Amino acid sequence: GNRLVEFERGTTKVVPALATSWEMS
């Protein structure tokens, strides 16, 4: 599987996966 966002390998940093970008209000 995949998620919209995932953790960069070896870290806990959230990076794009099935989503390429996102915006928060």
PDB file of all heavy atoms in Angstrom:
ATOM      1  N   GLY A   1       0.761  -1.236   0.000  1.00  0.00           N
ATOM      2  CA  GLY A   1       0.000   0.000   0.000  1.00  0.00           C
ATOM      3  C   GLY A   1       0.795   1.292   0.000  1.00  0.00           C
ATOM      4  O   GLY A   1       2.014   1.317   0.065  1.00  0.00           O
ATOM      5  N   ASN A   2       0.016   2.388  -0.070  1.00  0.00           N
ATOM      6  CA  ASN A   2       0.516   3.754   0.065  1.00  0.00           C
ATOM      7  C   ASN A   2      -0.506   4.601   0.799  1.00  0.00           C
ATOM      8  O   ASN A   2      -1.700   4.274   0.840  1.00  0.00           O
ATOM      9  CB  ASN A   2       0.775   4.407  -1.294  1.00  0.00           C
ATOM     10  CG  ASN A   2       1.971   3.843  -2.022  1.00  0.00           C
ATOM     11  OD1 ASN A   2       1.829   3.293  -3.108  1.00  0.00           O
ATOM     12  ND2 ASN A   2       3.151   3.979  -1.443  1.00  0.00           N
ATOM     13  N   ARG A   3      -0.043   5.724   1.357  1.00  0.00           N
ATOM     14  CA  ARG A   3      -0.903   6.720   1.975  1.00  0.00           C
ATOM     15  C   ARG A   3      -0.839   8.020   1.158  1.00  0.00           C
ATOM     16  O   ARG A   3       0.019   8.153   0.291  1.00  0.00           O
ATOM     17  CB  ARG A   3      -0.438   7.021   3.411  1.00  0.00           C
ATOM     18  CG  ARG A   3      -0.985   6.099   4.472  1.00  0.00           C
ATOM     19  CD  ARG A   3      -0.452   4.702   4.460  1.00  0.00           C
ATOM     20  NE  ARG A   3       0.987   4.585   4.599  1.00  0.00           N
ATOM     21  CZ  ARG A   3       1.689   3.556   4.151  1.00  0.00           C
ATOM     22  NH1 ARG A   3       1.104   2.560   3.490  1.00  0.00           N
ATOM     23  NH2 ARG A   3       2.994   3.512   4.299  1.00  0.00           N
ATOM     24  N   LEU A   4      -1.720   8.956   1.468  1.00  0.00           N
ATOM     25  CA  LEU A   4      -1.637  10.276   0.823  1.00  0.00           C
ATOM     26  C   LEU A   4      -0.292  10.915   1.124  1.00  0.00           C
ATOM     27  O   LEU A   4       0.367  11.473   0.246  1.00  0.00           O
ATOM     28  CB  LEU A   4      -2.763  11.189   1.325  1.00  0.00           C
ATOM     29  CG  LEU A   4      -4.178  10.827   0.911  1.00  0.00           C
ATOM     30  CD1 LEU A   4      -5.183  11.750   1.580  1.00  0.00           C
ATOM     31  CD2 LEU A   4      -4.329  10.908  -0.609  1.00  0.00           C
ATOM     32  N   VAL A   5       0.095  10.854   2.384  1.00  0.00           N
ATOM     33  CA  VAL A   5       1.415  11.319   2.818  1.00  0.00           C
ATOM     34  C   VAL A   5       2.066  10.179   3.587  1.00  0.00           C
ATOM     35  O   VAL A   5       1.380   9.365   4.196  1.00  0.00           O
ATOM     36  CB  VAL A   5       1.320  12.593   3.684  1.00  0.00           C
ATOM     37  CG1 VAL A   5       0.832  13.771   2.862  1.00  0.00           C
ATOM     38  CG2 VAL A   5       0.420  12.384   4.900  1.00  0.00           C
ATOM     39  N   GLU A   6       3.381  10.126   3.570  1.00  0.00           N
ATOM     40  CA  GLU A   6       4.096   9.066   4.263  1.00  0.00           C
ATOM     41  C   GLU A   6       5.296   9.667   4.971  1.00  0.00           C
ATOM     42  O   GLU A   6       5.587  10.865   4.833  1.00  0.00           O
ATOM     43  CB  GLU A   6       4.536   7.976   3.268  1.00  0.00           C
ATOM     44  CG  GLU A   6       3.347   7.279   2.609  1.00  0.00           C
ATOM     45  CD  GLU A   6       3.749   6.213   1.600  1.00  0.00           C
ATOM     46  OE1 GLU A   6       4.963   6.026   1.370  1.00  0.00           O
ATOM     47  OE2 GLU A   6       2.840   5.575   1.028  1.00  0.00           O
ATOM     48  N   PHE A   7       6.003   8.832   5.743  1.00  0.00           N
ATOM     49  CA  PHE A   7       7.205   9.299   6.418  1.00  0.00           C
ATOM     50  C   PHE A   7       8.411   9.030   5.531  1.00  0.00           C
ATOM     51  O   PHE A   7       8.577   7.924   5.009  1.00  0.00           O
ATOM     52  CB  PHE A   7       7.372   8.602   7.769  1.00  0.00           C
ATOM     53  CG  PHE A   7       6.248   8.895   8.718  1.00  0.00           C
ATOM     54  CD1 PHE A   7       5.359   7.902   9.102  1.00  0.00           C
ATOM     55  CD2 PHE A   7       6.063  10.174   9.212  1.00  0.00           C
ATOM     56  CE1 PHE A   7       4.314   8.165   9.960  1.00  0.00           C
ATOM     57  CE2 PHE A   7       5.007  10.463  10.076  1.00  0.00           C
ATOM     58  CZ  PHE A   7       4.140   9.464  10.455  1.00  0.00           C
ATOM     59  N   GLU A   8       9.230  10.038   5.365  1.00  0.00           N
ATOM     60  CA  GLU A   8      10.465   9.876   4.621  1.00  0.00           C
ATOM     61  C   GLU A   8      11.279   8.741   5.235  1.00  0.00           C
ATOM     62  O   GLU A   8      11.366   8.629   6.454  1.00  0.00           O
ATOM     63  CB  GLU A   8      11.251  11.188   4.680  1.00  0.00           C
ATOM     64  CG  GLU A   8      12.530  11.199   3.881  1.00  0.00           C
ATOM     65  CD  GLU A   8      13.207  12.556   3.975  1.00  0.00           C
ATOM     66  OE1 GLU A   8      13.598  12.953   5.102  1.00  0.00           O
ATOM     67  OE2 GLU A   8      13.327  13.222   2.943  1.00  0.00           O
ATOM     68  N   ARG A   9      11.890   7.925   4.397  1.00  0.00           N
ATOM     69  CA  ARG A   9      12.614   6.762   4.912  1.00  0.00           C
ATOM     70  C   ARG A   9      13.661   7.172   5.942  1.00  0.00           C
ATOM     71  O   ARG A   9      14.463   8.074   5.715  1.00  0.00           O
ATOM     72  CB  ARG A   9      13.292   6.006   3.767  1.00  0.00           C
ATOM     73  CG  ARG A   9      12.335   5.197   2.927  1.00  0.00           C
ATOM     74  CD  ARG A   9      13.016   4.009   2.267  1.00  0.00           C
ATOM     75  NE  ARG A   9      14.205   4.359   1.486  1.00  0.00           N
ATOM     76  CZ  ARG A   9      15.146   3.494   1.147  1.00  0.00           C
ATOM     77  NH1 ARG A   9      15.070   2.236   1.532  1.00  0.00           N
ATOM     78  NH2 ARG A   9      16.170   3.875   0.416  1.00  0.00           N
ATOM     79  N   GLY A  10      13.629   6.487   7.088  1.00  0.00           N
ATOM     80  CA  GLY A  10      14.610   6.735   8.133  1.00  0.00           C
ATOM     81  C   GLY A  10      14.320   7.932   9.018  1.00  0.00           C
ATOM     82  O   GLY A  10      15.112   8.252   9.907  1.00  0.00           O
ATOM     83  N   THR A  11      13.168   8.602   8.795  1.00  0.00           N
ATOM     84  CA  THR A  11      12.833   9.792   9.583  1.00  0.00           C
ATOM     85  C   THR A  11      11.352   9.763   9.953  1.00  0.00           C
ATOM     86  O   THR A  11      10.610   8.851   9.572  1.00  0.00           O
ATOM     87  CB  THR A  11      13.105  11.094   8.807  1.00  0.00           C
ATOM     88  OG1 THR A  11      12.053  11.322   7.850  1.00  0.00           O
ATOM     89  CG2 THR A  11      14.433  11.043   8.067  1.00  0.00           C
ATOM     90  N   THR A  12      10.928  10.797  10.664  1.00  0.00           N
ATOM     91  CA  THR A  12       9.502  10.982  10.955  1.00  0.00           C
ATOM     92  C   THR A  12       8.963  12.221  10.224  1.00  0.00           C
ATOM     93  O   THR A  12       7.923  12.761  10.595  1.00  0.00           O
ATOM     94  CB  THR A  12       9.267  11.133  12.470  1.00  0.00           C
ATOM     95  OG1 THR A  12      10.041  12.235  12.971  1.00  0.00           O
ATOM     96  CG2 THR A  12       9.656   9.863  13.213  1.00  0.00           C
ATOM     97  N   LYS A  13       9.659  12.637   9.180  1.00  0.00           N
ATOM     98  CA  LYS A  13       9.237  13.782   8.379  1.00  0.00           C
ATOM     99  C   LYS A  13       8.139  13.357   7.405  1.00  0.00           C
ATOM    100  O   LYS A  13       8.275  12.387   6.667  1.00  0.00           O
ATOM    101  CB  LYS A  13      10.425  14.341   7.601  1.00  0.00           C
ATOM    102  CG  LYS A  13      10.081  15.517   6.697  1.00  0.00           C
ATOM    103  CD  LYS A  13      11.308  15.950   5.887  1.00  0.00           C
ATOM    104  CE  LYS A  13      10.959  17.079   4.914  1.00  0.00           C
ATOM    105  NZ  LYS A  13      12.149  17.457   4.094  1.00  0.00           N
ATOM    106  N   VAL A  14       7.024  14.096   7.399  1.00  0.00           N
ATOM    107  CA  VAL A  14       5.907  13.804   6.498  1.00  0.00           C
ATOM    108  C   VAL A  14       6.226  14.343   5.108  1.00  0.00           C
ATOM    109  O   VAL A  14       6.576  15.525   4.945  1.00  0.00           O
ATOM    110  CB  VAL A  14       4.602  14.425   7.031  1.00  0.00           C
ATOM    111  CG1 VAL A  14       3.474  14.252   6.016  1.00  0.00           C
ATOM    112  CG2 VAL A  14       4.209  13.787   8.358  1.00  0.00           C
ATOM    113  N   VAL A  15       6.108  13.476   4.097  1.00  0.00           N
ATOM    114  CA  VAL A  15       6.414  13.863   2.718  1.00  0.00           C
ATOM    115  C   VAL A  15       5.275  13.411   1.798  1.00  0.00           C
ATOM    116  O   VAL A  15       4.478  12.533   2.160  1.00  0.00           O
ATOM    117  CB  VAL A  15       7.749  13.238   2.244  1.00  0.00           C
ATOM    118  CG1 VAL A  15       8.912  13.787   3.054  1.00  0.00           C
ATOM    119  CG2 VAL A  15       7.704  11.709   2.328  1.00  0.00           C
ATOM    120  N   PRO A  16       5.173  13.977   0.593  1.00  0.00           N
ATOM    121  CA  PRO A  16       4.115  13.576  -0.339  1.00  0.00           C
ATOM    122  C   PRO A  16       4.242  12.119  -0.762  1.00  0.00           C
ATOM    123  O   PRO A  16       5.342  11.587  -0.879  1.00  0.00           O
ATOM    124  CB  PRO A  16       4.337  14.505  -1.541  1.00  0.00           C
ATOM    125  CG  PRO A  16       5.102  15.672  -0.997  1.00  0.00           C
ATOM    126  CD  PRO A  16       5.973  15.106   0.084  1.00  0.00           C
ATOM    127  N   ALA A  17       3.109  11.497  -1.021  1.00  0.00           N
ATOM    128  CA  ALA A  17       3.079  10.132  -1.566  1.00  0.00           C
ATOM    129  C   ALA A  17       1.976  10.093  -2.619  1.00  0.00           C
ATOM    130  O   ALA A  17       2.179  10.569  -3.736  1.00  0.00           O
ATOM    131  CB  ALA A  17       2.863   9.107  -0.459  1.00  0.00           C
ATOM    132  N   LEU A  18       0.794   9.577  -2.278  1.00  0.00           N
ATOM    133  CA  LEU A  18      -0.303   9.602  -3.251  1.00  0.00           C
ATOM    134  C   LEU A  18      -0.862  11.015  -3.435  1.00  0.00           C
ATOM    135  O   LEU A  18      -1.548  11.286  -4.423  1.00  0.00           O
ATOM    136  CB  LEU A  18      -1.413   8.641  -2.830  1.00  0.00           C
ATOM    137  CG  LEU A  18      -1.056   7.156  -2.909  1.00  0.00           C
ATOM    138  CD1 LEU A  18      -2.224   6.297  -2.456  1.00  0.00           C
ATOM    139  CD2 LEU A  18      -0.614   6.756  -4.313  1.00  0.00           C
ATOM    140  N   ALA A  19      -0.593  11.888  -2.500  1.00  0.00           N
ATOM    141  CA  ALA A  19      -0.882  13.309  -2.687  1.00  0.00           C
ATOM    142  C   ALA A  19       0.430  13.994  -3.051  1.00  0.00           C
ATOM    143  O   ALA A  19       1.468  13.719  -2.453  1.00  0.00           O
ATOM    144  CB  ALA A  19      -1.451  13.917  -1.416  1.00  0.00           C
ATOM    145  N   THR A  20       0.392  14.893  -4.019  1.00  0.00           N
ATOM    146  CA  THR A  20       1.605  15.609  -4.414  1.00  0.00           C
ATOM    147  C   THR A  20       1.786  16.891  -3.614  1.00  0.00           C
ATOM    148  O   THR A  20       2.903  17.387  -3.471  1.00  0.00           O
ATOM    149  CB  THR A  20       1.570  15.959  -5.909  1.00  0.00           C
ATOM    150  OG1 THR A  20       0.378  16.719  -6.179  1.00  0.00           O
ATOM    151  CG2 THR A  20       1.561  14.689  -6.759  1.00  0.00           C
ATOM    152  N   SER A  21       0.682  17.418  -3.070  1.00  0.00           N
ATOM    153  CA  SER A  21       0.751  18.644  -2.276  1.00  0.00           C
ATOM    154  C   SER A  21      -0.533  18.778  -1.473  1.00  0.00           C
ATOM    155  O   SER A  21      -1.521  18.075  -1.719  1.00  0.00           O
ATOM    156  CB  SER A  21       0.932  19.872  -3.182  1.00  0.00           C
ATOM    157  OG  SER A  21      -0.203  20.037  -4.029  1.00  0.00           O
ATOM    158  N   TRP A  22      -0.523  19.691  -0.509  1.00  0.00           N
ATOM    159  CA  TRP A  22      -1.715  19.948   0.299  1.00  0.00           C
ATOM    160  C   TRP A  22      -1.674  21.362   0.851  1.00  0.00           C
ATOM    161  O   TRP A  22      -0.613  21.970   0.983  1.00  0.00           O
ATOM    162  CB  TRP A  22      -1.841  18.934   1.434  1.00  0.00           C
ATOM    163  CG  TRP A  22      -0.655  18.898   2.376  1.00  0.00           C
ATOM    164  CD1 TRP A  22      -0.452  19.635   3.505  1.00  0.00           C
ATOM    165  CD2 TRP A  22       0.509  18.078   2.221  1.00  0.00           C
ATOM    166  NE1 TRP A  22       0.761  19.327   4.068  1.00  0.00           N
ATOM    167  CE2 TRP A  22       1.367  18.369   3.311  1.00  0.00           C
ATOM    168  CE3 TRP A  22       0.905  17.116   1.282  1.00  0.00           C
ATOM    169  CZ2 TRP A  22       2.603  17.744   3.472  1.00  0.00           C
ATOM    170  CZ3 TRP A  22       2.134  16.494   1.453  1.00  0.00           C
ATOM    171  CH2 TRP A  22       2.966  16.812   2.544  1.00  0.00           C
ATOM    172  N   GLU A  23      -2.859  21.869   1.157  1.00  0.00           N
ATOM    173  CA  GLU A  23      -2.988  23.191   1.764  1.00  0.00           C
ATOM    174  C   GLU A  23      -3.883  23.087   2.984  1.00  0.00           C
ATOM    175  O   GLU A  23      -4.866  22.334   2.984  1.00  0.00           O
ATOM    176  CB  GLU A  23      -3.598  24.191   0.772  1.00  0.00           C
ATOM    177  CG  GLU A  23      -2.705  24.509  -0.422  1.00  0.00           C
ATOM    178  CD  GLU A  23      -3.355  25.515  -1.361  1.00  0.00           C
ATOM    179  OE1 GLU A  23      -4.538  25.878  -1.120  1.00  0.00           O
ATOM    180  OE2 GLU A  23      -2.700  25.935  -2.331  1.00  0.00           O
ATOM    181  N   MET A  24      -3.557  23.854   4.033  1.00  0.00           N
ATOM    182  CA  MET A  24      -4.381  23.916   5.237  1.00  0.00           C
ATOM    183  C   MET A  24      -4.993  25.302   5.348  1.00  0.00           C
ATOM    184  O   MET A  24      -4.322  26.312   5.099  1.00  0.00           O
ATOM    185  CB  MET A  24      -3.523  23.623   6.479  1.00  0.00           C
ATOM    186  CG  MET A  24      -4.315  23.614   7.778  1.00  0.00           C
ATOM    187  SD  MET A  24      -3.268  23.358   9.244  1.00  0.00           S
ATOM    188  CE  MET A  24      -2.459  24.961   9.368  1.00  0.00           C
ATOM    189  N   SER A  25      -6.257  25.379   5.701  1.00  0.00           N
ATOM    190  CA  SER A  25      -6.915  26.664   5.875  1.00  0.00           C
ATOM    191  C   SER A  25      -6.356  27.380   7.096  1.00  0.00           C
ATOM    192  O   SER A  25      -5.739  26.768   7.980  1.00  0.00           O
ATOM    193  CB  SER A  25      -8.425  26.476   6.024  1.00  0.00           C
ATOM    194  OG  SER A  25      -8.720  25.702   7.181  1.00  0.00           O
TER     195      SER A  25
END
